[in-house]
């Protein structure tokens, strides 16, 4: 399995991460693996935009149609 080495981590950041790991009953390695996995699985805004653009199923509404829908929704 690949390894990651982080250099020059500020001591206060290390302390916070260690405390969070302990609060979750995990080692620092387990905690960081969990958090890095969560980060990797979460799409960035650029990735989401690209995925939406690639779908190609756009709905074309005018600004007036959008505002009308908002006003109707508020009136209900």
PDB file of N, CA and C in Angstrom:
ATOM      1  N   UNK A   1       0.833  -1.182   0.000  1.00  0.00           N
ATOM      2  CA  UNK A   1       0.000   0.000   0.000  1.00  0.00           C
ATOM      3  C   UNK A   1       0.879   1.247   0.000  1.00  0.00           C
ATOM      4  N   UNK A   2       0.482   2.276  -0.733  1.00  0.00           N
ATOM      5  CA  UNK A   2       1.277   3.502  -0.755  1.00  0.00           C
ATOM      6  C   UNK A   2       1.291   4.199   0.603  1.00  0.00           C
ATOM      7  N   UNK A   3       2.344   4.956   0.815  1.00  0.00           N
ATOM      8  CA  UNK A   3       2.479   5.747   2.039  1.00  0.00           C
ATOM      9  C   UNK A   3       2.483   7.227   1.695  1.00  0.00           C
ATOM     10  N   UNK A   4       2.100   8.040   2.650  1.00  0.00           N
ATOM     11  CA  UNK A   4       2.137   9.490   2.503  1.00  0.00           C
ATOM     12  C   UNK A   4       2.951  10.044   3.657  1.00  0.00           C
ATOM     13  N   UNK A   5       3.851  10.956   3.346  1.00  0.00           N
ATOM     14  CA  UNK A   5       4.654  11.611   4.368  1.00  0.00           C
ATOM     15  C   UNK A   5       4.352  13.098   4.302  1.00  0.00           C
ATOM     16  N   UNK A   6       3.977  13.676   5.416  1.00  0.00           N
ATOM     17  CA  UNK A   6       3.695  15.110   5.465  1.00  0.00           C
ATOM     18  C   UNK A   6       4.779  15.759   6.314  1.00  0.00           C
ATOM     19  N   UNK A   7       5.492  16.668   5.702  1.00  0.00           N
ATOM     20  CA  UNK A   7       6.574  17.362   6.403  1.00  0.00           C
ATOM     21  C   UNK A   7       6.099  18.729   6.872  1.00  0.00           C
ATOM     22  N   UNK A   8       6.730  19.214   7.900  1.00  0.00           N
ATOM     23  CA  UNK A   8       6.504  20.574   8.403  1.00  0.00           C
ATOM     24  C   UNK A   8       5.058  20.829   8.827  1.00  0.00           C
ATOM     25  N   UNK A   9       4.440  19.821   9.389  1.00  0.00           N
ATOM     26  CA  UNK A   9       3.086  19.982   9.912  1.00  0.00           C
ATOM     27  C   UNK A   9       3.181  20.785  11.211  1.00  0.00           C
ATOM     28  N   UNK A  10       2.447  21.878  11.307  1.00  0.00           N
ATOM     29  CA  UNK A  10       2.518  22.665  12.539  1.00  0.00           C
ATOM     30  C   UNK A  10       2.105  21.821  13.754  1.00  0.00           C
ATOM     31  N   UNK A  11       2.796  21.979  14.861  1.00  0.00           N
ATOM     32  CA  UNK A  11       2.497  21.178  16.055  1.00  0.00           C
ATOM     33  C   UNK A  11       1.042  21.298  16.508  1.00  0.00           C
ATOM     34  N   UNK A  12       0.451  22.500  16.384  1.00  0.00           N
ATOM     35  CA  UNK A  12      -0.934  22.661  16.814  1.00  0.00           C
ATOM     36  C   UNK A  12      -1.900  21.864  15.930  1.00  0.00           C
ATOM     37  N   UNK A  13      -1.572  21.726  14.654  1.00  0.00           N
ATOM     38  CA  UNK A  13      -2.402  20.919  13.757  1.00  0.00           C
ATOM     39  C   UNK A  13      -2.277  19.448  14.141  1.00  0.00           C
ATOM     40  N   UNK A  14      -1.065  19.012  14.388  1.00  0.00           N
ATOM     41  CA  UNK A  14      -0.835  17.633  14.812  1.00  0.00           C
ATOM     42  C   UNK A  14      -1.603  17.336  16.100  1.00  0.00           C
ATOM     43  N   UNK A  15      -1.572  18.270  17.036  1.00  0.00           N
ATOM     44  CA  UNK A  15      -2.270  18.069  18.316  1.00  0.00           C
ATOM     45  C   UNK A  15      -3.772  17.937  18.112  1.00  0.00           C
ATOM     46  N   UNK A  16      -4.337  18.765  17.267  1.00  0.00           N
ATOM     47  CA  UNK A  16      -5.783  18.689  16.999  1.00  0.00           C
ATOM     48  C   UNK A  16      -6.132  17.361  16.355  1.00  0.00           C
ATOM     49  N   UNK A  17      -5.361  16.946  15.361  1.00  0.00           N
ATOM     50  CA  UNK A  17      -5.641  15.683  14.674  1.00  0.00           C
ATOM     51  C   UNK A  17      -5.496  14.490  15.622  1.00  0.00           C
ATOM     52  N   UNK A  18      -4.478  14.537  16.464  1.00  0.00           N
ATOM     53  CA  UNK A  18      -4.276  13.461  17.442  1.00  0.00           C
ATOM     54  C   UNK A  18      -5.450  13.407  18.418  1.00  0.00           C
ATOM     55  N   UNK A  19      -5.904  14.551  18.881  1.00  0.00           N
ATOM     56  CA  UNK A  19      -7.041  14.599  19.803  1.00  0.00           C
ATOM     57  C   UNK A  19      -8.309  14.070  19.139  1.00  0.00           C
ATOM     58  N   UNK A  20      -8.528  14.414  17.883  1.00  0.00           N
ATOM     59  CA  UNK A  20      -9.713  13.916  17.170  1.00  0.00           C
ATOM     60  C   UNK A  20      -9.644  12.408  16.991  1.00  0.00           C
ATOM     61  N   UNK A  21      -8.457  11.907  16.678  1.00  0.00           N
ATOM     62  CA  UNK A  21      -8.287  10.463  16.535  1.00  0.00           C
ATOM     63  C   UNK A  21      -8.601   9.759  17.844  1.00  0.00           C
ATOM     64  N   UNK A  22      -8.065  10.274  18.936  1.00  0.00           N
ATOM     65  CA  UNK A  22      -8.312   9.677  20.256  1.00  0.00           C
ATOM     66  C   UNK A  22      -9.793   9.734  20.614  1.00  0.00           C
ATOM     67  N   UNK A  23     -10.445  10.845  20.292  1.00  0.00           N
ATOM     68  CA  UNK A  23     -11.878  10.984  20.591  1.00  0.00           C
ATOM     69  C   UNK A  23     -12.710   9.958  19.821  1.00  0.00           C
ATOM     70  N   UNK A  24     -12.199   9.528  18.673  1.00  0.00           N
ATOM     71  CA  UNK A  24     -12.896   8.518  17.861  1.00  0.00           C
ATOM     72  C   UNK A  24     -12.409   7.106  18.163  1.00  0.00           C
ATOM     73  N   UNK A  25     -11.519   6.973  19.143  1.00  0.00           N
ATOM     74  CA  UNK A  25     -10.995   5.655  19.491  1.00  0.00           C
ATOM     75  C   UNK A  25     -10.110   5.077  18.393  1.00  0.00           C
ATOM     76  N   UNK A  26      -9.417   5.951  17.674  1.00  0.00           N
ATOM     77  CA  UNK A  26      -8.574   5.512  16.570  1.00  0.00           C
ATOM     78  C   UNK A  26      -7.141   5.976  16.789  1.00  0.00           C
ATOM     79  N   UNK A  27      -6.248   5.279  16.080  1.00  0.00           N
ATOM     80  CA  UNK A  27      -4.881   5.786  16.027  1.00  0.00           C
ATOM     81  C   UNK A  27      -4.882   6.968  15.060  1.00  0.00           C
ATOM     82  N   UNK A  28      -3.834   7.751  15.099  1.00  0.00           N
ATOM     83  CA  UNK A  28      -3.731   8.882  14.176  1.00  0.00           C
ATOM     84  C   UNK A  28      -3.733   8.375  12.739  1.00  0.00           C
ATOM     85  N   UNK A  29      -3.048   7.279  12.482  1.00  0.00           N
ATOM     86  CA  UNK A  29      -3.010   6.705  11.135  1.00  0.00           C
ATOM     87  C   UNK A  29      -4.412   6.296  10.675  1.00  0.00           C
ATOM     88  N   UNK A  30      -5.167   5.627  11.537  1.00  0.00           N
ATOM     89  CA  UNK A  30      -6.533   5.225  11.179  1.00  0.00           C
ATOM     90  C   UNK A  30      -7.411   6.441  10.898  1.00  0.00           C
ATOM     91  N   UNK A  31      -7.297   7.434  11.747  1.00  0.00           N
ATOM     92  CA  UNK A  31      -8.104   8.640  11.591  1.00  0.00           C
ATOM     93  C   UNK A  31      -7.776   9.344  10.278  1.00  0.00           C
ATOM     94  N   UNK A  32      -6.495   9.527  10.001  1.00  0.00           N
ATOM     95  CA  UNK A  32      -6.087  10.214   8.779  1.00  0.00           C
ATOM     96  C   UNK A  32      -6.458   9.413   7.534  1.00  0.00           C
ATOM     97  N   UNK A  33      -6.350   8.099   7.597  1.00  0.00           N
ATOM     98  CA  UNK A  33      -6.767   7.262   6.470  1.00  0.00           C
ATOM     99  C   UNK A  33      -8.252   7.444   6.203  1.00  0.00           C
ATOM    100  N   UNK A  34      -9.054   7.463   7.270  1.00  0.00           N
ATOM    101  CA  UNK A  34     -10.499   7.667   7.139  1.00  0.00           C
ATOM    102  C   UNK A  34     -10.803   9.034   6.533  1.00  0.00           C
ATOM    103  N   UNK A  35     -10.154  10.065   7.033  1.00  0.00           N
ATOM    104  CA  UNK A  35     -10.411  11.423   6.545  1.00  0.00           C
ATOM    105  C   UNK A  35      -9.928  11.614   5.113  1.00  0.00           C
ATOM    106  N   UNK A  36      -8.766  11.084   4.779  1.00  0.00           N
ATOM    107  CA  UNK A  36      -8.270  11.202   3.411  1.00  0.00           C
ATOM    108  C   UNK A  36      -9.148  10.426   2.434  1.00  0.00           C
ATOM    109  N   UNK A  37      -9.673   9.296   2.864  1.00  0.00           N
ATOM    110  CA  UNK A  37     -10.601   8.528   2.028  1.00  0.00           C
ATOM    111  C   UNK A  37     -11.877   9.329   1.785  1.00  0.00           C
ATOM    112  N   UNK A  38     -12.384   9.971   2.830  1.00  0.00           N
ATOM    113  CA  UNK A  38     -13.594  10.807   2.698  1.00  0.00           C
ATOM    114  C   UNK A  38     -13.332  11.952   1.728  1.00  0.00           C
ATOM    115  N   UNK A  39     -12.175  12.588   1.862  1.00  0.00           N
ATOM    116  CA  UNK A  39     -11.828  13.693   0.969  1.00  0.00           C
ATOM    117  C   UNK A  39     -11.745  13.202  -0.477  1.00  0.00           C
ATOM    118  N   UNK A  40     -11.107  12.068  -0.691  1.00  0.00           N
ATOM    119  CA  UNK A  40     -10.939  11.544  -2.045  1.00  0.00           C
ATOM    120  C   UNK A  40     -12.270  11.164  -2.688  1.00  0.00           C
ATOM    121  N   UNK A  41     -13.234  10.743  -1.877  1.00  0.00           N
ATOM    122  CA  UNK A  41     -14.547  10.340  -2.412  1.00  0.00           C
ATOM    123  C   UNK A  41     -15.478  11.523  -2.670  1.00  0.00           C
ATOM    124  N   UNK A  42     -15.157  12.677  -2.116  1.00  0.00           N
ATOM    125  CA  UNK A  42     -15.987  13.863  -2.294  1.00  0.00           C
ATOM    126  C   UNK A  42     -15.536  14.602  -3.545  1.00  0.00           C
ATOM    127  N   UNK A  43     -16.454  14.789  -4.471  1.00  0.00           N
ATOM    128  CA  UNK A  43     -16.106  15.477  -5.714  1.00  0.00           C
ATOM    129  C   UNK A  43     -15.849  16.961  -5.454  1.00  0.00           C
ATOM    130  N   UNK A  44     -14.887  17.502  -6.174  1.00  0.00           N
ATOM    131  CA  UNK A  44     -14.616  18.931  -6.098  1.00  0.00           C
ATOM    132  C   UNK A  44     -15.668  19.675  -6.918  1.00  0.00           C
ATOM    133  N   UNK A  45     -15.746  20.979  -6.743  1.00  0.00           N
ATOM    134  CA  UNK A  45     -16.681  21.776  -7.546  1.00  0.00           C
ATOM    135  C   UNK A  45     -16.374  21.622  -9.029  1.00  0.00           C
ATOM    136  N   UNK A  46     -15.109  21.603  -9.388  1.00  0.00           N
ATOM    137  CA  UNK A  46     -14.724  21.445 -10.793  1.00  0.00           C
ATOM    138  C   UNK A  46     -15.170  20.088 -11.329  1.00  0.00           C
ATOM    139  N   UNK A  47     -15.031  19.035 -10.530  1.00  0.00           N
ATOM    140  CA  UNK A  47     -15.466  17.704 -10.956  1.00  0.00           C
ATOM    141  C   UNK A  47     -16.980  17.642 -11.105  1.00  0.00           C
ATOM    142  N   UNK A  48     -17.703  18.253 -10.167  1.00  0.00           N
ATOM    143  CA  UNK A  48     -19.166  18.287 -10.269  1.00  0.00           C
ATOM    144  C   UNK A  48     -19.621  19.060 -11.495  1.00  0.00           C
ATOM    145  N   UNK A  49     -19.001  20.200 -11.735  1.00  0.00           N
ATOM    146  CA  UNK A  49     -19.347  21.003 -12.902  1.00  0.00           C
ATOM    147  C   UNK A  49     -19.090  20.221 -14.183  1.00  0.00           C
ATOM    148  N   UNK A  50     -17.963  19.553 -14.264  1.00  0.00           N
ATOM    149  CA  UNK A  50     -17.638  18.758 -15.456  1.00  0.00           C
ATOM    150  C   UNK A  50     -18.648  17.628 -15.653  1.00  0.00           C
ATOM    151  N   UNK A  51     -19.041  16.973 -14.565  1.00  0.00           N
ATOM    152  CA  UNK A  51     -20.009  15.876 -14.663  1.00  0.00           C
ATOM    153  C   UNK A  51     -21.371  16.379 -15.124  1.00  0.00           C
ATOM    154  N   UNK A  52     -21.792  17.512 -14.592  1.00  0.00           N
ATOM    155  CA  UNK A  52     -23.084  18.082 -14.978  1.00  0.00           C
ATOM    156  C   UNK A  52     -23.049  18.511 -16.436  1.00  0.00           C
ATOM    157  N   UNK A  53     -21.959  19.151 -16.837  1.00  0.00           N
ATOM    158  CA  UNK A  53     -21.814  19.595 -18.227  1.00  0.00           C
ATOM    159  C   UNK A  53     -21.806  18.403 -19.174  1.00  0.00           C
ATOM    160  N   UNK A  54     -21.149  17.325 -18.776  1.00  0.00           N
ATOM    161  CA  UNK A  54     -21.054  16.136 -19.625  1.00  0.00           C
ATOM    162  C   UNK A  54     -22.401  15.442 -19.800  1.00  0.00           C
ATOM    163  N   UNK A  55     -23.305  15.616 -18.834  1.00  0.00           N
ATOM    164  CA  UNK A  55     -24.628  14.982 -18.942  1.00  0.00           C
ATOM    165  C   UNK A  55     -25.391  15.503 -20.136  1.00  0.00           C
ATOM    166  N   UNK A  56     -25.289  16.787 -20.389  1.00  0.00           N
ATOM    167  CA  UNK A  56     -25.919  17.371 -21.561  1.00  0.00           C
ATOM    168  C   UNK A  56     -27.418  17.534 -21.498  1.00  0.00           C
ATOM    169  N   UNK A  57     -28.056  17.168 -20.414  1.00  0.00           N
ATOM    170  CA  UNK A  57     -29.518  17.277 -20.316  1.00  0.00           C
ATOM    171  C   UNK A  57     -29.902  18.562 -19.592  1.00  0.00           C
ATOM    172  N   UNK A  58     -29.599  19.657 -20.221  1.00  0.00           N
ATOM    173  CA  UNK A  58     -29.837  20.959 -19.610  1.00  0.00           C
ATOM    174  C   UNK A  58     -31.286  21.394 -19.783  1.00  0.00           C
ATOM    175  N   UNK A  59     -31.772  22.108 -18.820  1.00  0.00           N
ATOM    176  CA  UNK A  59     -33.092  22.720 -18.899  1.00  0.00           C
ATOM    177  C   UNK A  59     -32.851  24.200 -19.171  1.00  0.00           C
ATOM    178  N   UNK A  60     -33.456  24.694 -20.220  1.00  0.00           N
ATOM    179  CA  UNK A  60     -33.251  26.086 -20.598  1.00  0.00           C
ATOM    180  C   UNK A  60     -34.431  26.918 -20.117  1.00  0.00           C
ATOM    181  N   UNK A  61     -34.181  27.722 -19.095  1.00  0.00           N
ATOM    182  CA  UNK A  61     -35.204  28.614 -18.556  1.00  0.00           C
ATOM    183  C   UNK A  61     -34.684  30.044 -18.623  1.00  0.00           C
ATOM    184  N   UNK A  62     -35.599  30.946 -18.832  1.00  0.00           N
ATOM    185  CA  UNK A  62     -35.212  32.361 -18.792  1.00  0.00           C
ATOM    186  C   UNK A  62     -35.194  32.813 -17.339  1.00  0.00           C
ATOM    187  N   UNK A  63     -34.557  33.937 -17.104  1.00  0.00           N
ATOM    188  CA  UNK A  63     -34.530  34.503 -15.757  1.00  0.00           C
ATOM    189  C   UNK A  63     -35.958  34.790 -15.300  1.00  0.00           C
ATOM    190  N   UNK A  64     -36.794  35.248 -16.206  1.00  0.00           N
ATOM    191  CA  UNK A  64     -38.193  35.544 -15.864  1.00  0.00           C
ATOM    192  C   UNK A  64     -38.938  34.285 -15.430  1.00  0.00           C
ATOM    193  N   UNK A  65     -38.718  33.179 -16.112  1.00  0.00           N
ATOM    194  CA  UNK A  65     -39.368  31.914 -15.740  1.00  0.00           C
ATOM    195  C   UNK A  65     -38.898  31.440 -14.362  1.00  0.00           C
ATOM    196  N   UNK A  66     -37.639  31.614 -14.080  1.00  0.00           N
ATOM    197  CA  UNK A  66     -37.098  31.214 -12.779  1.00  0.00           C
ATOM    198  C   UNK A  66     -37.704  32.070 -11.675  1.00  0.00           C
ATOM    199  N   UNK A  67     -37.748  33.376 -11.885  1.00  0.00           N
ATOM    200  CA  UNK A  67     -38.331  34.273 -10.880  1.00  0.00           C
ATOM    201  C   UNK A  67     -39.814  33.997 -10.678  1.00  0.00           C
ATOM    202  N   UNK A  68     -40.536  33.717 -11.751  1.00  0.00           N
ATOM    203  CA  UNK A  68     -41.963  33.378 -11.633  1.00  0.00           C
ATOM    204  C   UNK A  68     -42.140  32.126 -10.781  1.00  0.00           C
ATOM    205  N   UNK A  69     -41.303  31.115 -11.000  1.00  0.00           N
ATOM    206  CA  UNK A  69     -41.392  29.879 -10.227  1.00  0.00           C
ATOM    207  C   UNK A  69     -41.088  30.144  -8.752  1.00  0.00           C
ATOM    208  N   UNK A  70     -40.118  30.984  -8.474  1.00  0.00           N
ATOM    209  CA  UNK A  70     -39.790  31.342  -7.095  1.00  0.00           C
ATOM    210  C   UNK A  70     -40.970  32.040  -6.435  1.00  0.00           C
ATOM    211  N   UNK A  71     -41.556  32.995  -7.127  1.00  0.00           N
ATOM    212  CA  UNK A  71     -42.683  33.731  -6.574  1.00  0.00           C
ATOM    213  C   UNK A  71     -43.900  32.826  -6.351  1.00  0.00           C
ATOM    214  N   UNK A  72     -44.148  31.913  -7.271  1.00  0.00           N
ATOM    215  CA  UNK A  72     -45.262  30.962  -7.098  1.00  0.00           C
ATOM    216  C   UNK A  72     -45.010  30.069  -5.886  1.00  0.00           C
ATOM    217  N   UNK A  73     -43.787  29.623  -5.733  1.00  0.00           N
ATOM    218  CA  UNK A  73     -43.436  28.767  -4.593  1.00  0.00           C
ATOM    219  C   UNK A  73     -43.593  29.483  -3.264  1.00  0.00           C
ATOM    220  N   UNK A  74     -43.252  30.742  -3.236  1.00  0.00           N
ATOM    221  CA  UNK A  74     -43.388  31.522  -2.007  1.00  0.00           C
ATOM    222  C   UNK A  74     -44.857  31.804  -1.692  1.00  0.00           C
ATOM    223  N   UNK A  75     -45.681  31.915  -2.713  1.00  0.00           N
ATOM    224  CA  UNK A  75     -47.092  32.240  -2.530  1.00  0.00           C
ATOM    225  C   UNK A  75     -47.879  31.023  -2.019  1.00  0.00           C
ATOM    226  N   UNK A  76     -47.364  29.842  -2.240  1.00  0.00           N
ATOM    227  CA  UNK A  76     -48.097  28.625  -1.838  1.00  0.00           C
ATOM    228  C   UNK A  76     -47.969  28.345  -0.364  1.00  0.00           C
TER     229      UNK A  76
END
